[in-house]
Structures are given as C-alpha cells and as structure tokens.
Amino acid sequence: MTKLFLSLHVLAAIIAVGPVSVAASMFPATLRRALGDADAGDARTALRTLHRICRVYAGVGIAVPLFGFATAGSLGVLGDAWLITSILLTAAAAGVLVLLILPAQDRALAEAAEPHAPSAPAPLRPGRLAMLTGVFNLLWATVTVLMIIRPGSTTGA
C-alpha cells in the first residue's frame, strides 16, 4: 500500500504543482505585455487562461498533502523532522499561492481589463508578482529536495 500512496503522492505533485509553477511564472511577463499595450487582447486572454490554470490546479493540489500524509503514515515517519519541515514548507507555499499570488492575479486581471481606470489600492507591479511566484517555486523546490534526501530517515526507502 505504501508504494501505491507514494506513487499517487508523486503523480499528484507533478500533475498539480507543475502547472501552477509554470503558469504562475508566465503570468508576470504576460501581465507586462497586457499593461504595456492598449491592443493587447491576446495577452489579456493569456492572463485569464494562466490564472484559471493556477486556480484549478491549486484546487487539485490538495491531493498532494493528502497522499503525502497517507504515505508518511504507512512509512511510520509522521514525527520525523524532515517531514514536519516539509509539511510546514508546503503550508507556506499554499499560503503564498492562495493568499498572495491568486488575489494578485485577480487584481491584475481587473487592471489589465481597464488599465486606466482608477483603483483604490496601488497599481500592481508585475515584478512583485514575479517575486511571490519565485518564493512559491523555491518553497516547492525545497520540499522536493527534502522528500528526496530525507535527512535522518531510517526507512531505507
């Protein structure tokens, strides 16, 4: 059963986190094009598509920790420091995505739809969104490394 859970966990991570990482990384450059050109209809369409990918796959991404907990439970490593660290980093990555990146993308879509309309908050900077995406990707990269090297693990798997 452990091998099944581990396989599902890895597949879920690849299928869910990969598209979010790529789409979120492409969003700031596309936003720059959309904000810089009044006739950037294609860029605005791409922004909507990239945002939808991020939202949908963020929802699918809940499978990653679910299968991860099942795998960890079957391996008996739920109390290991490397796993607890991975859980905390995964929660941080989810927080960055749900609380910072997705709302910023929502705001960017509104700004790109009406670039000259006055808005209450300061205008969104594509560079800030790129930085948040970089933090998200770095958190996931760290979790991936921890999952591979598992410092102090005694499972031998």
C-alpha atoms as a PDB file:
ATOM      1  CA  MET A   1       0.000   0.000   0.000  1.00  0.00           C
ATOM      2  CA  THR A   2       2.939   2.316   0.715  1.00  0.00           C
ATOM      3  CA  LYS A   3       4.130   2.131  -2.891  1.00  0.00           C
ATOM      4  CA  LEU A   4       0.651   2.987  -4.145  1.00  0.00           C
ATOM      5  CA  PHE A   5       0.376   6.001  -1.812  1.00  0.00           C
ATOM      6  CA  LEU A   6       3.881   7.155  -2.737  1.00  0.00           C
ATOM      7  CA  SER A   7       3.141   6.799  -6.458  1.00  0.00           C
ATOM      8  CA  LEU A   8      -0.104   8.772  -6.106  1.00  0.00           C
ATOM      9  CA  HIS A   9       1.661  11.417  -4.000  1.00  0.00           C
ATOM     10  CA  VAL A  10       4.425  11.927  -6.588  1.00  0.00           C
ATOM     11  CA  LEU A  11       1.967  11.913  -9.506  1.00  0.00           C
ATOM     12  CA  ALA A  12      -0.281  14.424  -7.740  1.00  0.00           C
ATOM     13  CA  ALA A  13       2.718  16.675  -7.082  1.00  0.00           C
ATOM     14  CA  ILE A  14       3.826  16.554 -10.709  1.00  0.00           C
ATOM     15  CA  ILE A  15       0.332  16.979 -12.149  1.00  0.00           C
ATOM     16  CA  ALA A  16      -0.837  19.687  -9.721  1.00  0.00           C
ATOM     17  CA  VAL A  17       2.203  21.697  -8.700  1.00  0.00           C
ATOM     18  CA  GLY A  18       3.964  21.665 -12.073  1.00  0.00           C
ATOM     19  CA  PRO A  19       1.245  23.514 -13.998  1.00  0.00           C
ATOM     20  CA  VAL A  20       0.799  26.067 -11.204  1.00  0.00           C
ATOM     21  CA  SER A  21       4.536  26.740 -11.116  1.00  0.00           C
ATOM     22  CA  VAL A  22       4.734  27.213 -14.868  1.00  0.00           C
ATOM     23  CA  ALA A  23       1.519  29.236 -15.270  1.00  0.00           C
ATOM     24  CA  ALA A  24       2.273  31.479 -12.278  1.00  0.00           C
ATOM     25  CA  SER A  25       5.803  32.041 -13.596  1.00  0.00           C
ATOM     26  CA  MET A  26       4.481  33.049 -17.024  1.00  0.00           C
ATOM     27  CA  PHE A  27       1.851  35.405 -15.595  1.00  0.00           C
ATOM     28  CA  PRO A  28       4.082  38.437 -14.739  1.00  0.00           C
ATOM     29  CA  ALA A  29       5.685  38.642 -18.202  1.00  0.00           C
ATOM     30  CA  THR A  30       2.278  38.330 -19.844  1.00  0.00           C
ATOM     31  CA  LEU A  31       0.957  40.994 -17.473  1.00  0.00           C
ATOM     32  CA  ARG A  32       3.731  43.369 -18.561  1.00  0.00           C
ATOM     33  CA  ARG A  33       2.646  42.882 -22.182  1.00  0.00           C
ATOM     34  CA  ALA A  34      -1.030  43.384 -21.305  1.00  0.00           C
ATOM     35  CA  LEU A  35      -0.376  46.576 -19.340  1.00  0.00           C
ATOM     36  CA  GLY A  36       2.071  47.973 -21.883  1.00  0.00           C
ATOM     37  CA  ASP A  37      -0.078  47.702 -24.981  1.00  0.00           C
ATOM     38  CA  ALA A  38      -3.613  49.039 -25.366  1.00  0.00           C
ATOM     39  CA  ASP A  39      -4.283  46.435 -28.075  1.00  0.00           C
ATOM     40  CA  ALA A  40      -3.014  43.512 -26.014  1.00  0.00           C
ATOM     41  CA  GLY A  41      -6.169  41.414 -26.335  1.00  0.00           C
ATOM     42  CA  ASP A  42      -4.135  38.240 -26.802  1.00  0.00           C
ATOM     43  CA  ALA A  43      -2.120  38.985 -23.674  1.00  0.00           C
ATOM     44  CA  ARG A  44      -5.298  39.566 -21.648  1.00  0.00           C
ATOM     45  CA  THR A  45      -6.725  36.281 -22.936  1.00  0.00           C
ATOM     46  CA  ALA A  46      -3.498  34.537 -21.965  1.00  0.00           C
ATOM     47  CA  LEU A  47      -3.670  36.132 -18.499  1.00  0.00           C
ATOM     48  CA  ARG A  48      -7.158  34.748 -17.964  1.00  0.00           C
ATOM     49  CA  THR A  49      -6.003  31.302 -19.097  1.00  0.00           C
ATOM     50  CA  LEU A  50      -2.916  31.334 -16.885  1.00  0.00           C
ATOM     51  CA  HIS A  51      -4.968  32.465 -13.883  1.00  0.00           C
ATOM     52  CA  ARG A  52      -7.529  29.735 -14.496  1.00  0.00           C
ATOM     53  CA  ILE A  53      -4.746  27.133 -14.636  1.00  0.00           C
ATOM     54  CA  CYS A  54      -3.395  28.421 -11.321  1.00  0.00           C
ATOM     55  CA  ARG A  55      -6.820  28.342  -9.651  1.00  0.00           C
ATOM     56  CA  VAL A  56      -7.874  24.930 -10.943  1.00  0.00           C
ATOM     57  CA  TYR A  57      -4.592  23.198 -10.232  1.00  0.00           C
ATOM     58  CA  ALA A  58      -4.348  24.844  -6.814  1.00  0.00           C
ATOM     59  CA  GLY A  59      -7.588  23.005  -6.017  1.00  0.00           C
ATOM     60  CA  VAL A  60      -6.269  19.756  -7.473  1.00  0.00           C
ATOM     61  CA  GLY A  61      -3.102  20.303  -5.424  1.00  0.00           C
ATOM     62  CA  ILE A  62      -4.899  19.390  -2.198  1.00  0.00           C
ATOM     63  CA  ALA A  63      -4.306  15.781  -3.264  1.00  0.00           C
ATOM     64  CA  VAL A  64      -0.542  16.224  -2.775  1.00  0.00           C
ATOM     65  CA  PRO A  65      -0.589  16.571   1.034  1.00  0.00           C
ATOM     66  CA  LEU A  66      -3.439  14.066   1.359  1.00  0.00           C
ATOM     67  CA  PHE A  67      -1.447  11.347  -0.393  1.00  0.00           C
ATOM     68  CA  GLY A  68       1.666  12.590   1.399  1.00  0.00           C
ATOM     69  CA  PHE A  69       0.096  12.026   4.812  1.00  0.00           C
ATOM     70  CA  ALA A  70      -1.085   8.583   3.722  1.00  0.00           C
ATOM     71  CA  THR A  71       2.431   7.739   2.543  1.00  0.00           C
ATOM     72  CA  ALA A  72       4.066   9.085   5.700  1.00  0.00           C
ATOM     73  CA  GLY A  73       1.614   7.192   7.889  1.00  0.00           C
ATOM     74  CA  SER A  74       2.282   3.928   6.103  1.00  0.00           C
ATOM     75  CA  LEU A  75       6.039   4.506   6.403  1.00  0.00           C
ATOM     76  CA  GLY A  76       5.760   5.467  10.072  1.00  0.00           C
ATOM     77  CA  VAL A  77       7.622   8.768   9.622  1.00  0.00           C
ATOM     78  CA  LEU A  78       4.938  11.271  10.655  1.00  0.00           C
ATOM     79  CA  GLY A  79       7.100  12.559  13.534  1.00  0.00           C
ATOM     80  CA  ASP A  80      10.374  12.885  11.601  1.00  0.00           C
ATOM     81  CA  ALA A  81      11.900  16.364  11.472  1.00  0.00           C
ATOM     82  CA  TRP A  82      12.371  16.335   7.690  1.00  0.00           C
ATOM     83  CA  LEU A  83       8.697  15.532   7.196  1.00  0.00           C
ATOM     84  CA  ILE A  84       7.476  18.146   9.669  1.00  0.00           C
ATOM     85  CA  THR A  85       9.685  20.702   7.922  1.00  0.00           C
ATOM     86  CA  SER A  86       8.257  19.631   4.560  1.00  0.00           C
ATOM     87  CA  ILE A  87       4.714  19.973   5.901  1.00  0.00           C
ATOM     88  CA  LEU A  88       5.426  23.484   7.173  1.00  0.00           C
ATOM     89  CA  LEU A  89       7.043  24.500   3.874  1.00  0.00           C
ATOM     90  CA  THR A  90       4.117  23.021   1.937  1.00  0.00           C
ATOM     91  CA  ALA A  91       1.695  25.007   4.101  1.00  0.00           C
ATOM     92  CA  ALA A  92       3.775  28.139   3.481  1.00  0.00           C
ATOM     93  CA  ALA A  93       3.725  27.508  -0.282  1.00  0.00           C
ATOM     94  CA  ALA A  94      -0.044  27.003  -0.198  1.00  0.00           C
ATOM     95  CA  GLY A  95      -0.413  30.214   1.802  1.00  0.00           C
ATOM     96  CA  VAL A  96       1.692  32.181  -0.678  1.00  0.00           C
ATOM     97  CA  LEU A  97      -0.395  30.821  -3.540  1.00  0.00           C
ATOM     98  CA  VAL A  98      -3.849  31.223  -2.027  1.00  0.00           C
ATOM     99  CA  LEU A  99      -3.326  34.406  -0.004  1.00  0.00           C
ATOM    100  CA  LEU A 100      -0.898  36.341  -2.203  1.00  0.00           C
ATOM    101  CA  ILE A 101      -0.498  35.070  -5.776  1.00  0.00           C
ATOM    102  CA  LEU A 102      -4.102  34.257  -6.699  1.00  0.00           C
ATOM    103  CA  PRO A 103      -5.531  37.526  -5.271  1.00  0.00           C
ATOM    104  CA  ALA A 104      -2.747  39.485  -7.013  1.00  0.00           C
ATOM    105  CA  GLN A 105      -3.601  37.741 -10.273  1.00  0.00           C
ATOM    106  CA  ASP A 106      -7.282  38.623  -9.754  1.00  0.00           C
ATOM    107  CA  ARG A 107      -6.314  42.247  -9.257  1.00  0.00           C
ATOM    108  CA  ALA A 108      -4.001  42.152 -12.269  1.00  0.00           C
ATOM    109  CA  LEU A 109      -6.812  40.830 -14.449  1.00  0.00           C
ATOM    110  CA  ALA A 110      -9.007  43.724 -13.353  1.00  0.00           C
ATOM    111  CA  GLU A 111      -6.224  46.233 -14.045  1.00  0.00           C
ATOM    112  CA  ALA A 112      -5.447  44.688 -17.433  1.00  0.00           C
ATOM    113  CA  ALA A 113      -9.133  44.844 -18.394  1.00  0.00           C
ATOM    114  CA  GLU A 114      -9.242  48.579 -17.627  1.00  0.00           C
ATOM    115  CA  PRO A 115      -5.646  49.793 -17.396  1.00  0.00           C
ATOM    116  CA  HIS A 116      -6.529  53.463 -17.000  1.00  0.00           C
ATOM    117  CA  ALA A 117      -9.372  53.079 -14.507  1.00  0.00           C
ATOM    118  CA  PRO A 118      -8.635  54.476 -11.043  1.00  0.00           C
ATOM    119  CA  SER A 119      -8.246  51.804  -8.412  1.00  0.00           C
ATOM    120  CA  ALA A 120      -8.207  52.121  -4.638  1.00  0.00           C
ATOM    121  CA  PRO A 121      -5.036  50.118  -3.959  1.00  0.00           C
ATOM    122  CA  ALA A 122      -1.699  50.995  -5.511  1.00  0.00           C
ATOM    123  CA  PRO A 123      -1.225  49.603  -9.010  1.00  0.00           C
ATOM    124  CA  LEU A 124       0.057  46.050  -9.132  1.00  0.00           C
ATOM    125  CA  ARG A 125       3.688  45.671 -10.058  1.00  0.00           C
ATOM    126  CA  PRO A 126       4.490  42.641 -12.226  1.00  0.00           C
ATOM    127  CA  GLY A 127       7.878  42.424 -10.503  1.00  0.00           C
ATOM    128  CA  ARG A 128       6.224  41.892  -7.115  1.00  0.00           C
ATOM    129  CA  LEU A 129       4.078  39.122  -8.558  1.00  0.00           C
ATOM    130  CA  ALA A 130       7.175  37.554 -10.121  1.00  0.00           C
ATOM    131  CA  MET A 131       8.892  37.674  -6.724  1.00  0.00           C
ATOM    132  CA  LEU A 132       5.953  35.990  -4.992  1.00  0.00           C
ATOM    133  CA  THR A 133       5.929  33.303  -7.667  1.00  0.00           C
ATOM    134  CA  GLY A 134       9.652  32.800  -7.161  1.00  0.00           C
ATOM    135  CA  VAL A 135       9.093  32.330  -3.422  1.00  0.00           C
ATOM    136  CA  PHE A 136       6.334  29.817  -4.142  1.00  0.00           C
ATOM    137  CA  ASN A 137       8.571  27.882  -6.541  1.00  0.00           C
ATOM    138  CA  LEU A 138      11.525  27.994  -4.136  1.00  0.00           C
ATOM    139  CA  LEU A 139       9.368  26.591  -1.322  1.00  0.00           C
ATOM    140  CA  TRP A 140       8.257  23.706  -3.536  1.00  0.00           C
ATOM    141  CA  ALA A 141      11.802  23.074  -4.721  1.00  0.00           C
ATOM    142  CA  THR A 142      12.935  22.869  -1.088  1.00  0.00           C
ATOM    143  CA  VAL A 143      10.136  20.440  -0.250  1.00  0.00           C
ATOM    144  CA  THR A 144      11.113  18.301  -3.237  1.00  0.00           C
ATOM    145  CA  VAL A 145      14.743  18.166  -2.107  1.00  0.00           C
ATOM    146  CA  LEU A 146      13.685  17.263   1.445  1.00  0.00           C
ATOM    147  CA  MET A 147      11.469  14.494   0.079  1.00  0.00           C
ATOM    148  CA  ILE A 148      14.398  13.069  -1.865  1.00  0.00           C
ATOM    149  CA  ILE A 149      17.230  13.311   0.664  1.00  0.00           C
ATOM    150  CA  ARG A 150      15.114  12.858   3.844  1.00  0.00           C
ATOM    151  CA  PRO A 151      17.842  13.759   6.338  1.00  0.00           C
ATOM    152  CA  GLY A 152      17.861  11.376   9.291  1.00  0.00           C
ATOM    153  CA  SER A 153      15.378   8.998   7.697  1.00  0.00           C
ATOM    154  CA  THR A 154      15.751   5.397   8.738  1.00  0.00           C
ATOM    155  CA  THR A 155      13.190   3.898   6.353  1.00  0.00           C
ATOM    156  CA  GLY A 156      15.740   2.981   3.704  1.00  0.00           C
ATOM    157  CA  ALA A 157      13.048   3.557   1.075  1.00  0.00           C
END
